[in-house]
Amino acid sequence: MGMLNKVESIKDTVKQILIENPKARDNDRYLMLAVWVRENRDLPTISFKAFAYDFTHGRYSDTESIRRTRQKIQEQHPELRGESYSPRKVTEEPEMREGMPKMMT
């Protein structure tokens, strides 16, 4: 599968999980597991050693790709945002921006 196809595939998978399972909207670890189970339906029954081997050999989607995809989807689709989205955006983001050094122009 080419890189572009892989990106579209993960986007479709993450969006579908966010639609079907609101718990995944606020919990990236839960979302990652849900993605990986879709990539390998046998995941709940395999050993950790088998999972670790497959994970380190790229069989499963990268954790950062899943997280970034979730962020982008929630940015574009407000109905798929979790309970913690609005409070975090309203309070944490402005505070973080204030604490950043001003860029020289």
C-alpha atoms as a PDB file:
ATOM      1  CA  MET A   1       0.000   0.000   0.000  1.00  0.00           C
ATOM      2  CA  GLY A   2       1.414   3.394  -0.992  1.00  0.00           C
ATOM      3  CA  MET A   3       1.918   6.189   1.552  1.00  0.00           C
ATOM      4  CA  LEU A   4      -1.041   8.243   0.257  1.00  0.00           C
ATOM      5  CA  ASN A   5      -3.345   5.221   0.415  1.00  0.00           C
ATOM      6  CA  LYS A   6      -2.134   4.460   3.938  1.00  0.00           C
ATOM      7  CA  VAL A   7      -2.869   8.049   5.055  1.00  0.00           C
ATOM      8  CA  GLU A   8      -6.378   7.907   3.581  1.00  0.00           C
ATOM      9  CA  SER A   9      -6.945   4.507   5.148  1.00  0.00           C
ATOM     10  CA  ILE A  10      -5.970   5.680   8.651  1.00  0.00           C
ATOM     11  CA  LYS A  11      -8.096   8.806   8.209  1.00  0.00           C
ATOM     12  CA  ASP A  12     -11.147   6.734   7.281  1.00  0.00           C
ATOM     13  CA  THR A  13     -10.527   4.285  10.125  1.00  0.00           C
ATOM     14  CA  VAL A  14     -10.059   6.971  12.798  1.00  0.00           C
ATOM     15  CA  LYS A  15     -13.127   8.909  11.627  1.00  0.00           C
ATOM     16  CA  GLN A  16     -15.282   5.780  11.688  1.00  0.00           C
ATOM     17  CA  ILE A  17     -14.118   4.915  15.215  1.00  0.00           C
ATOM     18  CA  LEU A  18     -14.822   8.476  16.424  1.00  0.00           C
ATOM     19  CA  ILE A  19     -18.320   8.229  14.956  1.00  0.00           C
ATOM     20  CA  GLU A  20     -19.056   4.809  16.449  1.00  0.00           C
ATOM     21  CA  ASN A  21     -17.345   5.171  19.812  1.00  0.00           C
ATOM     22  CA  PRO A  22     -17.516   8.480  21.720  1.00  0.00           C
ATOM     23  CA  LYS A  23     -15.087   7.121  24.339  1.00  0.00           C
ATOM     24  CA  ALA A  24     -12.331   7.273  21.705  1.00  0.00           C
ATOM     25  CA  ARG A  25     -12.872  11.024  21.257  1.00  0.00           C
ATOM     26  CA  ASP A  26     -11.169  11.836  24.575  1.00  0.00           C
ATOM     27  CA  ASN A  27      -8.821   8.890  25.005  1.00  0.00           C
ATOM     28  CA  ASP A  28      -6.016   8.468  22.467  1.00  0.00           C
ATOM     29  CA  ARG A  29      -4.880   5.169  23.977  1.00  0.00           C
ATOM     30  CA  TYR A  30      -8.359   3.733  23.569  1.00  0.00           C
ATOM     31  CA  LEU A  31      -8.470   5.099  20.020  1.00  0.00           C
ATOM     32  CA  MET A  32      -5.103   3.527  19.188  1.00  0.00           C
ATOM     33  CA  LEU A  33      -6.218   0.131  20.429  1.00  0.00           C
ATOM     34  CA  ALA A  34      -9.439   0.415  18.423  1.00  0.00           C
ATOM     35  CA  VAL A  35      -7.428   1.240  15.277  1.00  0.00           C
ATOM     36  CA  TRP A  36      -5.041  -1.658  15.871  1.00  0.00           C
ATOM     37  CA  VAL A  37      -7.912  -4.112  16.420  1.00  0.00           C
ATOM     38  CA  ARG A  38      -9.333  -3.057  13.054  1.00  0.00           C
ATOM     39  CA  GLU A  39      -5.923  -3.665  11.509  1.00  0.00           C
ATOM     40  CA  ASN A  40      -5.673  -7.106  13.128  1.00  0.00           C
ATOM     41  CA  ARG A  41      -8.934  -8.697  14.290  1.00  0.00           C
ATOM     42  CA  ASP A  42      -6.905 -11.339  16.152  1.00  0.00           C
ATOM     43  CA  LEU A  43      -5.200  -8.728  18.340  1.00  0.00           C
ATOM     44  CA  PRO A  44      -7.220  -9.553  21.495  1.00  0.00           C
ATOM     45  CA  THR A  45      -6.054 -13.164  21.341  1.00  0.00           C
ATOM     46  CA  ILE A  46      -2.389 -12.887  20.390  1.00  0.00           C
ATOM     47  CA  SER A  47       0.505 -12.819  22.850  1.00  0.00           C
ATOM     48  CA  PHE A  48       2.253  -9.618  23.808  1.00  0.00           C
ATOM     49  CA  LYS A  49       5.409 -10.985  22.217  1.00  0.00           C
ATOM     50  CA  ALA A  50       3.590 -11.408  18.887  1.00  0.00           C
ATOM     51  CA  PHE A  51       2.090  -7.922  19.186  1.00  0.00           C
ATOM     52  CA  ALA A  52       5.484  -6.398  20.025  1.00  0.00           C
ATOM     53  CA  TYR A  53       7.102  -8.103  17.029  1.00  0.00           C
ATOM     54  CA  ASP A  54       4.366  -6.929  14.655  1.00  0.00           C
ATOM     55  CA  PHE A  55       4.348  -3.425  16.153  1.00  0.00           C
ATOM     56  CA  THR A  56       8.100  -2.967  15.821  1.00  0.00           C
ATOM     57  CA  HIS A  57       7.932  -4.234  12.234  1.00  0.00           C
ATOM     58  CA  GLY A  58       5.317  -1.656  11.201  1.00  0.00           C
ATOM     59  CA  ARG A  59       2.244  -3.860  11.006  1.00  0.00           C
ATOM     60  CA  TYR A  60       0.233  -1.366  13.053  1.00  0.00           C
ATOM     61  CA  SER A  61      -0.377   2.314  12.411  1.00  0.00           C
ATOM     62  CA  ASP A  62       1.994   4.699  14.135  1.00  0.00           C
ATOM     63  CA  THR A  63       0.719   6.202  17.388  1.00  0.00           C
ATOM     64  CA  GLU A  64       1.567   9.752  16.344  1.00  0.00           C
ATOM     65  CA  SER A  65      -0.223   9.337  13.012  1.00  0.00           C
ATOM     66  CA  ILE A  66      -3.361   8.210  14.827  1.00  0.00           C
ATOM     67  CA  ARG A  67      -3.188  11.144  17.258  1.00  0.00           C
ATOM     68  CA  ARG A  68      -2.574  13.739  14.539  1.00  0.00           C
ATOM     69  CA  THR A  69      -5.348  12.285  12.408  1.00  0.00           C
ATOM     70  CA  ARG A  70      -7.761  12.466  15.357  1.00  0.00           C
ATOM     71  CA  GLN A  71      -6.796  16.103  15.965  1.00  0.00           C
ATOM     72  CA  LYS A  72      -7.367  17.071  12.331  1.00  0.00           C
ATOM     73  CA  ILE A  73     -10.699  15.247  12.115  1.00  0.00           C
ATOM     74  CA  GLN A  74     -11.952  16.871  15.336  1.00  0.00           C
ATOM     75  CA  GLU A  75     -10.828  20.277  14.060  1.00  0.00           C
ATOM     76  CA  GLN A  76     -12.837  19.794  10.859  1.00  0.00           C
ATOM     77  CA  HIS A  77     -15.815  17.957  12.426  1.00  0.00           C
ATOM     78  CA  PRO A  78     -16.933  19.581  15.706  1.00  0.00           C
ATOM     79  CA  GLU A  79     -19.551  16.878  16.235  1.00  0.00           C
ATOM     80  CA  LEU A  80     -16.707  14.356  16.723  1.00  0.00           C
ATOM     81  CA  ARG A  81     -14.993  16.326  19.485  1.00  0.00           C
ATOM     82  CA  GLY A  82     -14.893  14.843  22.949  1.00  0.00           C
ATOM     83  CA  GLU A  83     -16.024  16.271  26.265  1.00  0.00           C
ATOM     84  CA  SER A  84     -12.587  17.735  27.045  1.00  0.00           C
ATOM     85  CA  TYR A  85     -12.090  19.500  23.685  1.00  0.00           C
ATOM     86  CA  SER A  86     -13.771  22.850  24.402  1.00  0.00           C
ATOM     87  CA  PRO A  87     -12.455  23.444  27.936  1.00  0.00           C
ATOM     88  CA  ARG A  88      -8.921  22.593  26.806  1.00  0.00           C
ATOM     89  CA  LYS A  89      -9.071  24.918  23.792  1.00  0.00           C
ATOM     90  CA  VAL A  90     -10.537  27.783  25.823  1.00  0.00           C
ATOM     91  CA  THR A  91      -8.150  27.650  28.797  1.00  0.00           C
ATOM     92  CA  GLU A  92      -4.966  25.751  27.999  1.00  0.00           C
ATOM     93  CA  GLU A  93      -4.194  26.947  24.489  1.00  0.00           C
ATOM     94  CA  PRO A  94      -4.266  30.720  25.258  1.00  0.00           C
ATOM     95  CA  GLU A  95      -2.185  30.136  28.423  1.00  0.00           C
ATOM     96  CA  MET A  96       0.369  28.184  26.429  1.00  0.00           C
ATOM     97  CA  ARG A  97       0.555  30.888  23.757  1.00  0.00           C
ATOM     98  CA  GLU A  98       1.092  33.576  26.411  1.00  0.00           C
ATOM     99  CA  GLY A  99       4.014  31.636  27.861  1.00  0.00           C
ATOM    100  CA  MET A 100       5.777  31.327  24.506  1.00  0.00           C
ATOM    101  CA  PRO A 101       8.561  33.799  23.781  1.00  0.00           C
ATOM    102  CA  LYS A 102       7.689  36.479  21.255  1.00  0.00           C
ATOM    103  CA  MET A 103       9.206  35.857  17.866  1.00  0.00           C
ATOM    104  CA  MET A 104      11.512  38.524  16.541  1.00  0.00           C
ATOM    105  CA  THR A 105      10.298  40.193  13.392  1.00  0.00           C
END
